[in-house]
Protein backbone atom coordinates (compact mmCIF):
# COMPACT_ATOMS: atom_id res chain seq x y z
CA MET A 1 17.39 -0.51 11.42
CA LYS A 2 16.11 2.56 10.08
CA THR A 3 14.25 5.15 12.54
CA ARG A 4 10.54 4.94 11.90
CA HIS A 5 9.07 8.36 11.52
CA SER A 6 5.52 6.85 12.93
CA LEU A 7 7.23 6.40 16.28
CA LEU A 8 7.80 9.98 16.66
CA VAL A 9 4.36 11.30 16.79
CA LEU A 10 3.12 11.08 20.38
CA PHE A 11 5.12 14.06 21.85
CA CYS A 12 2.01 16.16 20.94
CA CYS A 13 -0.24 14.00 23.25
CA LEU A 14 1.98 14.63 26.09
CA LEU A 15 3.25 18.21 25.40
CA PHE A 16 -0.38 19.49 26.20
CA ALA A 17 -2.44 17.00 27.76
CA PRO A 18 -0.35 16.24 30.85
CA LEU A 19 0.55 19.74 31.45
CA SER A 20 -3.31 20.04 31.11
CA PHE A 21 -3.96 17.58 34.15
CA ALA A 22 -1.05 19.39 36.21
CA GLN A 23 -2.39 22.64 37.61
CA SER A 24 -0.62 25.75 39.00
CA GLY A 25 -1.06 24.78 42.68
CA PRO A 26 -3.83 23.97 45.02
CA GLU A 27 -6.07 26.64 44.24
CA ALA A 28 -6.40 25.04 40.99
CA HIS A 29 -8.87 22.58 42.54
CA SER A 30 -10.63 25.36 45.12
CA ASN A 31 -14.00 24.49 43.51
CA ASP A 32 -15.95 21.70 42.31
CA GLY A 33 -16.72 23.16 38.88
CA GLN A 34 -12.94 23.06 38.02
CA SER A 35 -12.58 19.62 39.57
CA ASN A 36 -15.50 18.29 37.75
CA PHE A 37 -13.76 19.47 34.51
CA ASP A 38 -10.40 18.29 35.34
CA ARG A 39 -12.12 14.58 35.65
CA ALA A 40 -14.09 14.71 32.71
CA PHE A 41 -10.89 16.04 30.62
CA TYR A 42 -8.63 13.13 31.93
CA ASP A 43 -11.05 10.79 31.29
CA ILE A 44 -11.79 11.80 27.79
CA TYR A 45 -8.03 11.70 27.13
CA MET A 46 -6.91 8.88 28.76
CA HIS A 47 -9.75 6.50 28.49
CA VAL A 48 -12.45 7.39 26.15
CA ALA A 49 -10.13 8.19 23.48
CA SER A 50 -8.14 4.85 24.01
CA THR A 51 -11.30 3.06 22.90
CA ASP A 52 -13.16 5.24 20.20
CA VAL A 53 -11.64 8.49 18.70
CA ASN A 54 -14.93 9.50 17.53
CA VAL A 55 -16.85 9.23 20.71
CA ALA A 56 -13.83 11.11 22.54
CA LEU A 57 -14.26 13.97 20.02
CA ARG A 58 -17.93 14.38 20.59
CA ALA A 59 -17.38 14.30 24.09
CA ALA A 60 -14.71 16.77 23.77
CA ASP A 61 -16.87 18.97 21.75
CA SER A 62 -19.32 18.97 24.63
CA LEU A 63 -16.93 19.71 27.35
CA TYR A 64 -15.81 23.09 25.10
CA ARG A 65 -19.73 23.83 25.24
CA VAL A 66 -19.76 23.78 29.20
CA SER A 67 -16.55 25.75 29.66
CA THR A 68 -16.74 28.78 31.80
CA THR A 69 -13.20 30.15 31.94
CA ASP A 70 -10.52 31.01 29.34
CA ILE A 71 -8.49 28.42 30.54
CA GLN A 72 -11.24 25.77 30.23
CA GLN A 73 -11.82 26.88 26.70
CA VAL A 74 -8.26 26.67 25.92
CA ARG A 75 -8.01 23.11 27.21
CA ALA A 76 -11.21 22.04 25.52
CA LEU A 77 -10.14 23.31 22.09
CA MET A 78 -6.70 21.63 22.35
CA LEU A 79 -8.47 18.47 23.33
CA ILE A 80 -10.64 18.81 19.99
CA GLY A 81 -7.65 19.38 17.98
CA GLU A 82 -5.72 16.18 19.51
CA MET A 83 -8.60 14.09 18.65
CA HIS A 84 -8.41 15.32 15.17
CA ARG A 85 -4.43 14.99 14.90
CA ARG A 86 -4.76 11.38 15.94
CA VAL A 87 -6.63 10.37 12.77
CA ALA A 88 -4.23 12.57 10.74
CA ASN A 89 -6.82 15.52 10.32
CA ARG A 90 -4.01 18.19 10.33
CA ASP A 91 -6.45 20.96 9.17
CA SER A 92 -8.77 20.54 11.69
CA SER A 93 -6.01 19.95 14.50
CA ILE A 94 -4.39 23.27 13.48
CA TYR A 95 -7.64 25.18 13.36
CA TYR A 96 -8.58 24.30 16.86
CA ALA A 97 -4.77 25.34 18.00
CA GLU A 98 -5.49 28.75 16.32
CA ARG A 99 -8.50 29.39 18.15
CA ALA A 100 -6.89 28.17 21.36
CA ILE A 101 -3.96 30.57 20.88
CA ARG A 102 -5.88 33.54 20.34
CA ILE A 103 -7.69 33.10 23.50
CA ALA A 104 -4.40 32.50 25.35
CA ASN A 105 -2.85 35.47 23.82
CA ASN A 106 -5.69 37.77 24.54
CA ALA A 107 -5.91 36.66 28.21
CA LYS A 108 -2.11 36.60 28.82
CA LEU A 109 -2.14 32.92 29.32
CA TYR A 110 1.68 32.33 29.08
CA GLU A 111 1.49 29.09 30.40
CA TRP A 112 -1.03 28.01 27.52
CA GLN A 113 0.72 30.13 24.92
CA ALA A 114 3.97 27.90 25.61
CA ARG A 115 2.06 24.52 25.31
CA ILE A 116 0.34 25.36 22.19
CA TYR A 117 3.44 26.58 20.65
CA GLY A 118 4.84 23.25 21.62
CA ALA A 119 2.23 21.52 20.10
CA LEU A 120 2.54 23.20 16.94
CA SER A 121 6.26 22.34 16.88
CA THR A 122 5.43 18.53 17.04
CA GLN A 123 3.12 19.02 14.36
CA LEU A 124 5.24 20.91 12.01
CA ARG A 125 8.08 18.33 12.94
CA GLU A 126 5.90 15.24 12.00
CA MET A 127 5.35 16.94 8.30
CA GLY A 128 9.01 17.43 7.92
CA LEU A 129 9.08 21.39 8.45
CA LEU A 130 11.83 21.04 10.92
CA ASN A 131 12.49 24.98 10.74
CA LYS A 132 9.32 26.16 11.24
CA GLY A 133 8.74 23.78 14.00
CA ALA A 134 12.01 24.74 15.78
CA HIS A 135 10.76 28.33 15.56
CA TYR A 136 7.68 27.75 17.44
CA LEU A 137 9.33 25.42 19.79
CA ALA A 138 11.59 28.65 20.61
CA LEU A 139 8.38 30.67 20.84
CA GLY A 140 7.05 28.46 23.77
CA LEU A 141 10.37 28.69 25.67
CA LYS A 142 10.00 32.48 25.26
CA ALA A 143 6.59 32.49 26.81
CA ILE A 144 7.66 30.40 29.82
CA GLU A 145 9.99 33.03 31.11
CA HIS A 146 6.61 34.86 32.26
CA ILE A 147 6.01 32.09 34.67
CA ASP A 148 7.05 32.00 38.25
CA ASN A 149 5.64 28.34 39.15
CA GLU A 150 8.82 26.23 39.01
CA HIS A 151 6.48 23.20 38.76
CA VAL A 152 5.13 24.34 35.28
CA VAL A 153 8.52 25.37 34.24
CA TRP A 154 9.81 22.08 34.93
CA GLN A 155 7.31 20.34 32.90
CA TYR A 156 7.80 22.63 30.00
CA LYS A 157 11.49 22.39 30.12
CA GLY A 158 11.22 18.49 30.38
CA LEU A 159 8.85 18.17 27.45
CA SER A 160 10.92 21.02 25.27
CA LEU A 161 14.25 18.49 25.68
CA GLN A 162 11.99 15.48 24.91
CA GLU A 163 10.89 17.51 21.49
CA SER A 164 14.72 18.47 21.05
CA GLY A 165 15.24 14.71 21.02
CA HIS A 166 12.66 13.95 18.54
CA TYR A 167 14.13 16.65 16.28
CA ALA A 168 17.63 14.72 16.75
CA LEU A 169 15.85 11.56 15.67
CA GLU A 170 14.65 12.98 12.55
CA LYS A 171 18.28 13.72 11.75
CA GLN A 172 19.32 9.98 13.04
CA ASP A 173 21.33 11.70 15.54
CA PHE A 174 20.75 8.78 18.21
CA SER A 175 23.52 9.86 20.50
CA GLY A 176 22.21 13.38 20.21
CA ALA A 177 18.64 12.12 21.10
CA LEU A 178 19.70 9.97 23.77
CA ALA A 179 21.42 12.95 25.40
CA ASP A 180 18.15 15.21 25.06
CA PHE A 181 15.92 12.35 26.53
CA GLN A 182 18.35 12.02 29.37
CA GLN A 183 18.30 15.52 30.33
CA ALA A 184 14.61 15.67 29.96
CA GLU A 185 14.37 13.01 32.72
CA VAL A 186 16.29 15.09 35.23
CA PHE A 187 13.21 17.78 34.90
CA LEU A 188 10.50 15.17 34.97
CA LYS A 189 11.90 13.58 38.14
CA LYS A 190 11.71 16.89 39.91
CA LEU A 191 7.49 16.57 39.69
CA SER A 192 4.97 15.53 42.14
CA GLU A 193 3.93 11.70 41.44
CA SER A 194 0.46 11.73 39.28
CA PRO A 195 -1.04 10.05 36.51
CA SER A 196 0.38 12.83 33.79
CA THR A 197 4.06 12.54 35.55
CA LEU A 198 4.05 8.75 35.17
CA PHE A 199 2.92 9.13 31.56
CA MET A 200 5.93 11.67 30.55
CA LEU A 201 8.24 9.44 32.39
CA ALA A 202 6.95 6.35 30.67
CA GLN A 203 7.01 7.86 27.14
CA ASN A 204 10.56 9.12 28.35
CA HIS A 205 11.96 5.62 28.55
CA GLU A 206 10.19 4.64 25.75
CA ARG A 207 12.20 7.18 23.73
CA LEU A 208 15.27 6.07 25.46
CA GLY A 209 14.61 2.34 24.59
CA LEU A 210 14.55 3.25 20.97
CA CYS A 211 17.66 5.35 21.04
CA TYR A 212 19.52 2.29 22.61
CA LEU A 213 17.79 -0.08 20.16
CA GLU A 214 19.10 2.00 17.06
CA LEU A 215 22.65 2.15 18.82
CA GLY A 216 22.52 -1.42 19.26
CA ARG A 217 22.70 -1.38 23.06
CA LEU A 218 19.80 -4.19 23.36
CA ASP A 219 20.42 -4.78 27.23
CA SER A 220 19.89 -1.05 28.04
CA SER A 221 16.97 -0.67 25.46
CA ARG A 222 15.19 -3.70 27.17
CA ILE A 223 15.80 -1.93 30.71
CA HIS A 224 14.15 1.33 29.37
CA TYR A 225 11.31 -0.48 27.71
CA GLU A 226 10.29 -2.59 30.68
CA ARG A 227 10.63 0.73 32.80
CA ALA A 228 8.37 2.66 30.38
CA LEU A 229 5.76 -0.39 31.00
CA GLU A 230 5.84 -0.32 34.62
CA LEU A 231 5.38 3.54 34.80
CA GLU A 232 2.60 3.59 32.02
CA PRO A 233 -0.69 4.68 33.74
CA SER A 234 -3.32 3.42 31.85
CA PRO A 235 -5.56 0.85 32.87
CA GLY A 236 -5.57 -2.73 30.88
CA THR A 237 -9.09 -2.29 29.67
CA ALA A 238 -8.14 1.26 27.93
CA GLU A 239 -4.54 1.03 26.86
CA SER A 240 -2.80 4.16 25.27
CA PRO A 241 -0.91 4.31 22.44
CA VAL A 242 2.15 4.96 24.27
CA LYS A 243 1.88 1.29 25.48
CA GLY A 244 1.20 0.16 21.96
CA LEU A 245 4.73 1.59 21.20
CA ILE A 246 6.35 0.08 24.27
CA TYR A 247 5.20 -3.23 23.22
CA THR A 248 6.45 -2.78 19.62
CA GLY A 249 9.88 -1.93 20.94
CA LEU A 250 9.76 -4.95 22.65
CA GLY A 251 8.79 -7.12 19.95
CA LEU A 252 11.55 -5.71 17.84
CA LEU A 253 14.14 -6.53 20.52
CA ASP A 254 12.95 -10.01 20.85
CA ILE A 255 13.04 -10.31 16.91
CA LYS A 256 17.01 -9.24 17.49
CA ASP A 257 17.58 -11.76 20.38
CA ASN A 258 15.49 -14.62 18.48
CA GLN A 259 13.06 -15.05 21.25
CA ASP A 260 10.21 -15.39 18.38
CA SER A 261 7.45 -16.49 20.85
CA ASN A 262 8.03 -13.47 23.24
CA ALA A 263 7.96 -11.17 20.03
CA TYR A 264 5.03 -12.62 18.54
CA ALA A 265 2.94 -12.01 22.20
CA TYR A 266 4.41 -8.33 22.36
CA LEU A 267 3.43 -7.36 18.73
CA GLN A 268 -0.05 -9.03 19.27
CA LYS A 269 -0.63 -6.70 22.02
CA ALA A 270 0.51 -3.74 20.11
CA LEU A 271 -1.58 -4.82 17.03
CA HIS A 272 -4.70 -4.70 19.24
CA ILE A 273 -3.82 -1.29 20.76
CA ALA A 274 -3.28 -0.05 17.29
CA GLU A 275 -6.43 -1.05 16.00
CA THR A 276 -8.49 -0.19 19.03
CA THR A 277 -7.25 3.29 19.07
CA GLU A 278 -7.17 4.00 15.43
CA PHE A 279 -3.73 5.70 15.86
CA PRO A 280 -2.66 6.14 12.24
CA SER A 281 1.12 6.17 13.48
CA LEU A 282 0.87 3.64 15.67
CA LYS A 283 -0.60 1.24 12.92
CA ILE A 284 2.45 2.00 10.64
CA ASP A 285 4.80 1.06 13.55
CA VAL A 286 2.81 -2.28 14.37
CA TYR A 287 2.16 -3.27 10.73
CA GLU A 288 5.99 -2.67 9.85
CA ALA A 289 7.18 -4.55 12.73
CA LEU A 290 4.70 -7.69 12.20
CA ALA A 291 6.15 -7.74 8.40
CA ALA A 292 9.58 -7.91 9.79
CA TYR A 293 8.60 -10.63 12.05
CA TYR A 294 6.79 -12.86 9.59
CA ARG A 295 9.52 -12.12 6.95
CA LYS A 296 11.98 -13.80 9.38
CA ALA A 297 9.64 -16.50 10.24
CA GLY A 298 9.43 -17.30 6.53
CA ASP A 299 5.40 -16.87 6.39
CA LEU A 300 4.96 -15.08 3.00
CA GLU A 301 1.34 -15.11 3.18
CA ALA A 302 1.20 -12.91 6.68
CA TYR A 303 4.40 -10.89 5.66
CA THR A 304 2.27 -10.03 2.30
CA LYS A 305 -0.78 -8.94 4.35
CA TYR A 306 1.22 -6.65 6.83
CA ASN A 307 3.32 -5.25 4.45
CA ASP A 308 0.45 -4.16 2.19
CA LEU A 309 -1.22 -2.80 5.49
CA PHE A 310 1.92 -0.95 6.31
CA LEU A 311 2.43 0.66 2.97
CA ALA A 312 -1.37 1.35 2.52
CA THR A 313 -1.49 3.00 6.07
CA GLN A 314 1.90 4.77 5.29
CA ASN A 315 0.58 6.44 1.99
CA GLN A 316 -2.69 7.70 3.52
CA TYR A 317 -0.89 9.05 6.30
CA ASN A 318 1.66 10.80 3.94
CA GLN A 319 -0.99 12.09 1.64
CA ARG A 320 -2.95 13.80 4.65
CA ASN A 321 0.36 15.38 5.58
CA LYS A 322 0.91 16.48 2.00
CA GLY A 323 -2.62 17.82 1.62
CA TYR A 324 -2.34 19.92 5.03
CA VAL A 325 1.22 21.56 3.82
CA ASP A 326 -0.24 22.21 0.23
CA GLU A 327 -3.67 23.92 1.43
CA VAL A 328 -3.43 24.85 4.91
CA PHE A 329 -0.02 26.09 6.16
CA THR A 330 -0.14 29.37 4.34
CA GLY A 331 -3.28 30.30 6.04
CA VAL A 332 -1.94 29.41 9.59
CA GLU A 333 1.39 30.91 9.16
CA ALA A 334 -0.46 34.45 8.17
CA ASN A 335 -2.34 34.23 11.12
CA PHE A 336 0.62 33.42 13.45
CA ALA A 337 2.48 36.41 11.52
CA LYS A 338 -0.54 38.86 12.47
CA VAL A 339 -0.31 37.70 16.12
CA SER A 340 3.47 38.21 16.40
CA ALA A 341 3.20 41.26 14.81
CA SER A 342 0.71 43.00 16.95
CA ASN A 343 3.18 44.90 19.01
CA ARG A 344 5.00 46.25 15.84
CA LEU A 345 4.84 49.85 14.49
CA LEU A 346 1.75 50.15 12.37
CA LEU A 347 3.73 50.52 8.99
CA VAL A 348 5.79 47.20 9.56
CA PHE A 349 2.66 45.92 10.49
CA SER A 350 0.60 46.77 7.14
CA ALA A 351 3.61 45.90 5.24
CA CYS A 352 3.62 42.40 6.57
CA CYS A 353 -0.02 41.90 6.21
CA LEU A 354 0.26 43.32 2.25
CA VAL A 355 3.00 40.54 1.66
CA VAL A 356 1.19 37.76 3.50
CA CYS A 357 -1.91 38.74 1.69
CA GLY A 358 -0.19 38.94 -1.76
CA LEU A 359 1.42 35.71 -1.20
CA GLY A 360 -1.75 34.10 -0.03
CA PHE A 361 -3.26 35.23 -3.05
CA LEU A 362 -0.78 33.90 -5.45
CA PHE A 363 -0.98 30.65 -3.58
CA PHE A 364 -4.83 30.61 -4.10
CA LEU A 365 -4.46 31.35 -7.78
CA ARG A 366 -1.73 28.51 -8.26
CA ARG A 367 -3.96 26.00 -6.43
CA GLN A 368 -7.12 26.94 -8.30
CA ARG A 369 -5.27 26.60 -11.55
CA LYS A 370 -4.06 23.33 -10.32
CA GLN A 371 -7.37 21.99 -9.28
CA ARG A 372 -9.11 23.09 -12.63
CA ARG A 373 -6.45 21.27 -14.56
CA ARG A 374 -6.96 18.23 -12.20
CA PHE A 375 -10.86 18.59 -12.61
CA LYS A 376 -10.60 18.54 -16.50
CA GLU A 377 -8.15 15.52 -16.61
CA ILE A 378 -10.41 13.70 -14.42
CA ILE A 379 -13.55 14.53 -16.68
CA ALA A 380 -11.69 14.06 -20.02
CA ASN A 381 -10.36 10.51 -18.56
CA LEU A 382 -13.89 9.56 -17.71
CA ARG A 383 -15.55 10.42 -20.92
CA ASN A 384 -13.26 9.00 -23.00
CA SER A 385 -13.30 5.49 -20.68
CA ARG A 386 -16.48 5.10 -19.21
CA VAL A 387 -14.84 2.65 -16.93
CA TYR A 388 -14.45 3.24 -13.15
CA THR A 389 -10.91 1.38 -13.27
CA THR A 390 -7.52 2.79 -13.72
CA SER A 391 -6.01 1.42 -17.07
CA VAL A 392 -3.16 -1.40 -16.80
CA ASP A 393 -0.60 -2.00 -19.13
CA PRO A 394 -0.73 -5.41 -20.99
CA VAL A 395 1.23 -7.93 -19.31
CA GLU A 396 4.65 -8.90 -20.87
CA ASN A 397 5.11 -12.40 -22.28
CA ILE A 398 6.53 -14.56 -19.40
CA ASP A 399 8.58 -17.63 -20.20
CA LEU A 400 7.25 -20.63 -18.66
CA VAL A 401 8.49 -23.83 -17.27
CA VAL A 402 6.74 -26.88 -17.06
CA ASP A 403 7.88 -29.95 -15.12
CA ASP A 404 7.87 -33.49 -16.47
CA GLY A 405 4.83 -34.32 -13.90
CA GLY A 406 2.72 -32.26 -16.43
CA GLU A 407 1.34 -29.54 -13.76
CA GLU A 408 0.12 -26.20 -14.73
CA PRO A 409 2.83 -24.20 -16.13
CA VAL A 410 4.19 -22.03 -13.57
CA ALA A 411 5.73 -18.30 -14.44
CA ASP A 412 9.70 -18.38 -14.56
CA HIS A 413 9.88 -15.21 -12.35
CA PRO A 414 11.48 -14.98 -8.62
CA ARG A 415 8.29 -12.78 -7.88
CA GLU A 416 5.53 -14.56 -9.41
CA VAL A 417 3.41 -16.47 -6.94
CA VAL A 418 0.51 -17.61 -9.02
CA SER A 419 0.05 -19.67 -12.44
CA GLU A 420 -0.73 -17.91 -15.71
CA SER A 421 -4.31 -19.61 -15.75
CA THR A 422 -4.70 -18.82 -12.16
CA ARG A 423 -3.79 -14.84 -12.84
CA ILE A 424 -5.75 -14.75 -16.03
CA GLU A 425 -8.88 -16.14 -14.18
CA LEU A 426 -8.39 -13.66 -11.28
CA MET A 427 -7.96 -10.90 -13.89
CA ASP A 428 -11.44 -11.70 -15.40
CA LYS A 429 -13.26 -11.98 -12.00
CA LEU A 430 -11.74 -8.76 -10.81
CA THR A 431 -13.28 -7.37 -14.18
CA GLN A 432 -16.63 -8.69 -13.57
CA PHE A 433 -16.35 -7.45 -9.96
CA GLU A 434 -15.74 -3.91 -10.98
CA ALA A 435 -18.38 -4.09 -13.88
CA SER A 436 -20.87 -5.27 -11.27
CA HIS A 437 -19.92 -2.47 -8.76
CA GLY A 438 -19.27 -4.73 -6.00
CA PHE A 439 -16.51 -2.38 -4.46
CA ILE A 440 -19.60 -0.24 -3.33
CA GLU A 441 -20.40 -2.91 -0.66
CA LYS A 442 -19.63 -1.72 2.85
CA GLY A 443 -17.44 -3.97 4.70
CA ILE A 444 -15.48 -5.30 1.79
CA SER A 445 -12.03 -6.25 2.63
CA ILE A 446 -9.55 -8.51 0.68
CA ALA A 447 -10.63 -11.41 2.80
CA VAL A 448 -14.32 -11.05 1.69
CA LEU A 449 -13.33 -10.48 -1.87
CA ALA A 450 -11.10 -13.68 -1.83
CA GLY A 451 -14.10 -15.71 -0.74
CA LYS A 452 -16.47 -14.09 -3.44
CA LEU A 453 -14.00 -14.78 -6.09
CA ASN A 454 -13.07 -18.34 -4.68
CA THR A 455 -9.46 -17.73 -4.13
CA ASN A 456 -7.22 -17.15 -1.32
CA THR A 457 -6.11 -13.76 0.21
CA LYS A 458 -2.21 -14.42 -1.00
CA TYR A 459 -3.00 -14.58 -4.60
CA LEU A 460 -5.19 -11.95 -4.84
CA SER A 461 -3.21 -9.60 -3.05
CA HIS A 462 -0.30 -10.68 -5.43
CA VAL A 463 -2.39 -10.01 -8.58
CA ILE A 464 -3.88 -6.64 -7.52
CA ASN A 465 -0.01 -5.58 -6.37
CA GLN A 466 1.54 -6.60 -9.67
CA TYR A 467 -1.42 -6.21 -12.08
CA LYS A 468 -3.30 -3.38 -11.21
CA GLY A 469 -0.30 -1.55 -9.61
CA LYS A 470 -1.54 -0.72 -6.23
CA ASP A 471 -2.21 -2.36 -2.82
CA PHE A 472 -5.90 -3.35 -2.10
CA ASN A 473 -7.09 -0.33 -0.24
CA THR A 474 -5.97 1.96 -2.84
CA TYR A 475 -7.64 -0.02 -5.56
CA ILE A 476 -10.89 -0.16 -3.82
CA ASN A 477 -10.77 3.60 -2.97
CA GLU A 478 -9.89 4.28 -6.60
CA LEU A 479 -13.16 2.26 -7.95
CA ARG A 480 -15.47 4.14 -5.63
CA ILE A 481 -14.37 7.73 -6.07
CA ASN A 482 -14.28 6.90 -9.90
CA TYR A 483 -17.73 5.61 -9.42
CA ILE A 484 -19.22 8.41 -7.47
CA ILE A 485 -17.69 11.13 -9.86
CA SER A 486 -19.13 9.24 -12.84
CA LYS A 487 -22.54 9.51 -11.12
CA MET A 488 -22.08 13.09 -10.57
CA GLU A 489 -21.09 13.78 -14.01
CA SER A 490 -23.74 11.79 -15.72
CA ASP A 491 -26.34 12.53 -13.45
CA ALA A 492 -26.88 16.28 -12.46
CA ARG A 493 -29.18 15.13 -9.28
CA TYR A 494 -26.15 14.10 -7.44
CA LEU A 495 -24.83 17.67 -7.27
CA ASN A 496 -27.65 18.50 -5.09
CA TYR A 497 -27.11 15.48 -2.77
CA LYS A 498 -25.36 15.76 0.68
CA ILE A 499 -21.66 14.96 1.04
CA SER A 500 -22.90 12.09 3.56
CA TYR A 501 -25.30 10.72 0.69
CA LEU A 502 -22.43 10.56 -1.59
CA ALA A 503 -20.21 8.39 0.79
CA GLU A 504 -23.16 6.14 1.64
CA GLU A 505 -23.57 5.60 -2.24
CA SER A 506 -19.90 4.87 -2.88
CA GLY A 507 -19.61 2.35 -0.12
CA PHE A 508 -17.63 4.56 2.54
CA SER A 509 -18.51 4.41 6.27
CA SER A 510 -18.33 7.93 7.30
CA HIS A 511 -18.41 11.32 5.39
CA SER A 512 -14.88 12.22 6.89
CA GLN A 513 -13.57 9.03 5.42
CA PHE A 514 -15.09 9.72 2.13
CA ALA A 515 -13.74 13.29 2.05
CA THR A 516 -10.13 12.14 2.83
CA VAL A 517 -10.09 9.61 0.09
CA PHE A 518 -11.83 11.96 -2.37
CA ARG A 519 -9.14 14.51 -1.47
CA GLY A 520 -6.34 12.16 -2.11
CA ILE A 521 -7.39 10.86 -5.27
CA ALA A 522 -8.98 13.83 -7.08
CA GLY A 523 -6.66 16.46 -5.37
CA MET A 524 -9.54 18.56 -3.97
CA SER A 525 -12.43 18.28 -1.98
CA PRO A 526 -15.65 16.81 -3.04
CA SER A 527 -17.53 20.24 -2.75
CA THR A 528 -14.69 22.05 -4.78
CA PHE A 529 -15.16 19.03 -7.37
CA ILE A 530 -19.04 19.49 -7.17
CA ALA A 531 -18.70 23.45 -7.66
CA TYR A 532 -16.50 22.78 -10.86
CA LEU A 533 -19.10 20.35 -12.01
CA ARG A 534 -21.77 22.95 -11.52
CA LYS A 535 -19.70 25.50 -13.49
CA GLU A 536 -19.11 23.34 -16.37
CA GLU A 537 -22.99 22.35 -16.64
CA LYS A 538 -23.82 26.07 -16.27
CA ASP A 539 -21.16 27.08 -19.28
CA VAL A 540 -22.64 24.27 -21.38
CA ASP A 541 -26.15 25.69 -21.05
CA GLU A 542 -25.27 29.24 -21.37
CA ARG A 543 -23.41 27.87 -25.06
CA SER A 544 -26.49 26.10 -26.16
CA LEU A 545 -28.74 29.24 -25.55
CA VAL A 546 -26.24 31.37 -27.52
CA SER A 547 -26.45 28.83 -30.41
C-alpha cells in the first residue's frame, strides 16, 4: 500500500498548538487574564475548530483583537493561520505566520521563533518543498538553543523528531520514519501529563501505527493505533482530525485482516469527523479508504462515489498548493531573507535585497504575461463558442452486442456501465441542464441532479466522467465559473459588483469558495480578471474615439 500524502498534514497542528497550551512555568498562569486567554485558545483549537472552522476563525480573530502581550498576539496570529491552513488557504496561513515571526523576532521570543519556523517547515513539506522545509526546521533548532527551560526543549525536540519522521515518510523510508517517531516518544514521555501532552503522544502513536502498517507488521500497527485512541484527549462531541486518522488506520487494518464489519464501522466514524471538521487532507484519506473498502466488497456504485470524491478533493487540494507555490512563496522567501540578513553587513544586505527584488520583479512580469495570455484565451473561447460548457470530442462508434432476448443493446466495453440509448438520453438532458443554468442552484449535488434527470447517481457519474472528461464537482464548478465570466464580459455592470455578489449569482455558498475555484479554473483571482476586463473595455472605448 502506498503512503498517502494526506496522512502527513497534522504535524503543523501539533507543532504550535500543544506548545501553545504548555507554559514555561508556574508564572505563566500568574494572572486571570493569561488564564482566560489560555482557556479561550484551547477551546477554539480543540473544540470549536473540530465542529466549524469558520466559527473558529472568527473566534481566533476576536482573540487576537483582545491580546495584550507579544506572546498572546503571536499565539492568536498562529491560531488564525492554522484555521486557514485547515482549509488549504496557504497564502493566508503563511501571511499570518509572517506577522507572527516579525513580532517574535522583535521581542526576542526564541521559543516562538522555533515554533513558527517549525510550522513553516511543515507547510513547505506538505507542498513538496522538502529542502526549504528542512532549512526552516534547522532554524527552529537553532532558536531553541537560546532556551533554558528543559520542558520546552523536550517538547520541541520531540516534535522536531516527529517532523523528521514525516520527511522520511515522504521518501517512503518507513524504517527511518519508525526510528524517528520512536525517538520522539522518548522526549514526549518526559513531559508532565496534560491534554496537549496526550495529544502529542496520540499523534505519535498514530504515526507509529502507520509505519508498522506500511511495513506489513499488522499486530504492532494495531497496538499503536489502539494506544493512540486511548490517549487522544478530545471529547466525543468534538472529535479532532487526529482521531479521524486513527479510525482510518484501524479501518485499513481491518480491511487487510478481512474484518469487514469492523472496518466499515471505523471508516464511518472517520467519515463523520472528516465531514464535520472540513479538514481537506483527512477527507482525502477517508474517501480513498472507503473506495478501497467498497472495491473489495464489490459495490461498484459506492466505490465510484467515494473514488470520485477522493479524486475531486485531492485535485482541489493540489491546485491550492500549486497556486500558493506559484504566487506566494517568492514573497515569503524575500521577507525571511530580510529577517535573516538583518545582522549582516550593510553592503551584503543591500546586495541580497537587490537580487531578491530583481527576481521578484522577473517573477511578477512572468506571472503578468501568463495571466494576460490566459485572460485572452478565456475571452476568445467565450466569444467563439458562446456556450458555458467545455467542448467534448464526439464519442467513437462502439460495437454493440444484442442478446437473444431482444433486450436493449449494451456497449461491448469493459468500462461501459450504461446502454447507448441511456447515454444519449443523459447527454441530451445534461445539455438542457446546462442551457437552463440549473448549475447555479445552491446545494446542487450529484444525487439532486440525478433525481432531476430521472436517473441514478451511478449512471450520471459514469456519463460525466467518461463523456465530459471530469468528475461531478469539476463539471459543476467549470459551468459556474464560465457562466459568471460570460456575464462579466457581456454586461459591464457586473464589473462593479462585489465579489460576494458574483459568488452568489453563480451558485457558490461563500466568497472564499468562489475565489478559490475561480483561481483554479481561470488561473488568476476574480479581482485580477475583472481588472483585465476593465482595461480591455477602456482600450476598446479609446480606439472608438480615435476612429
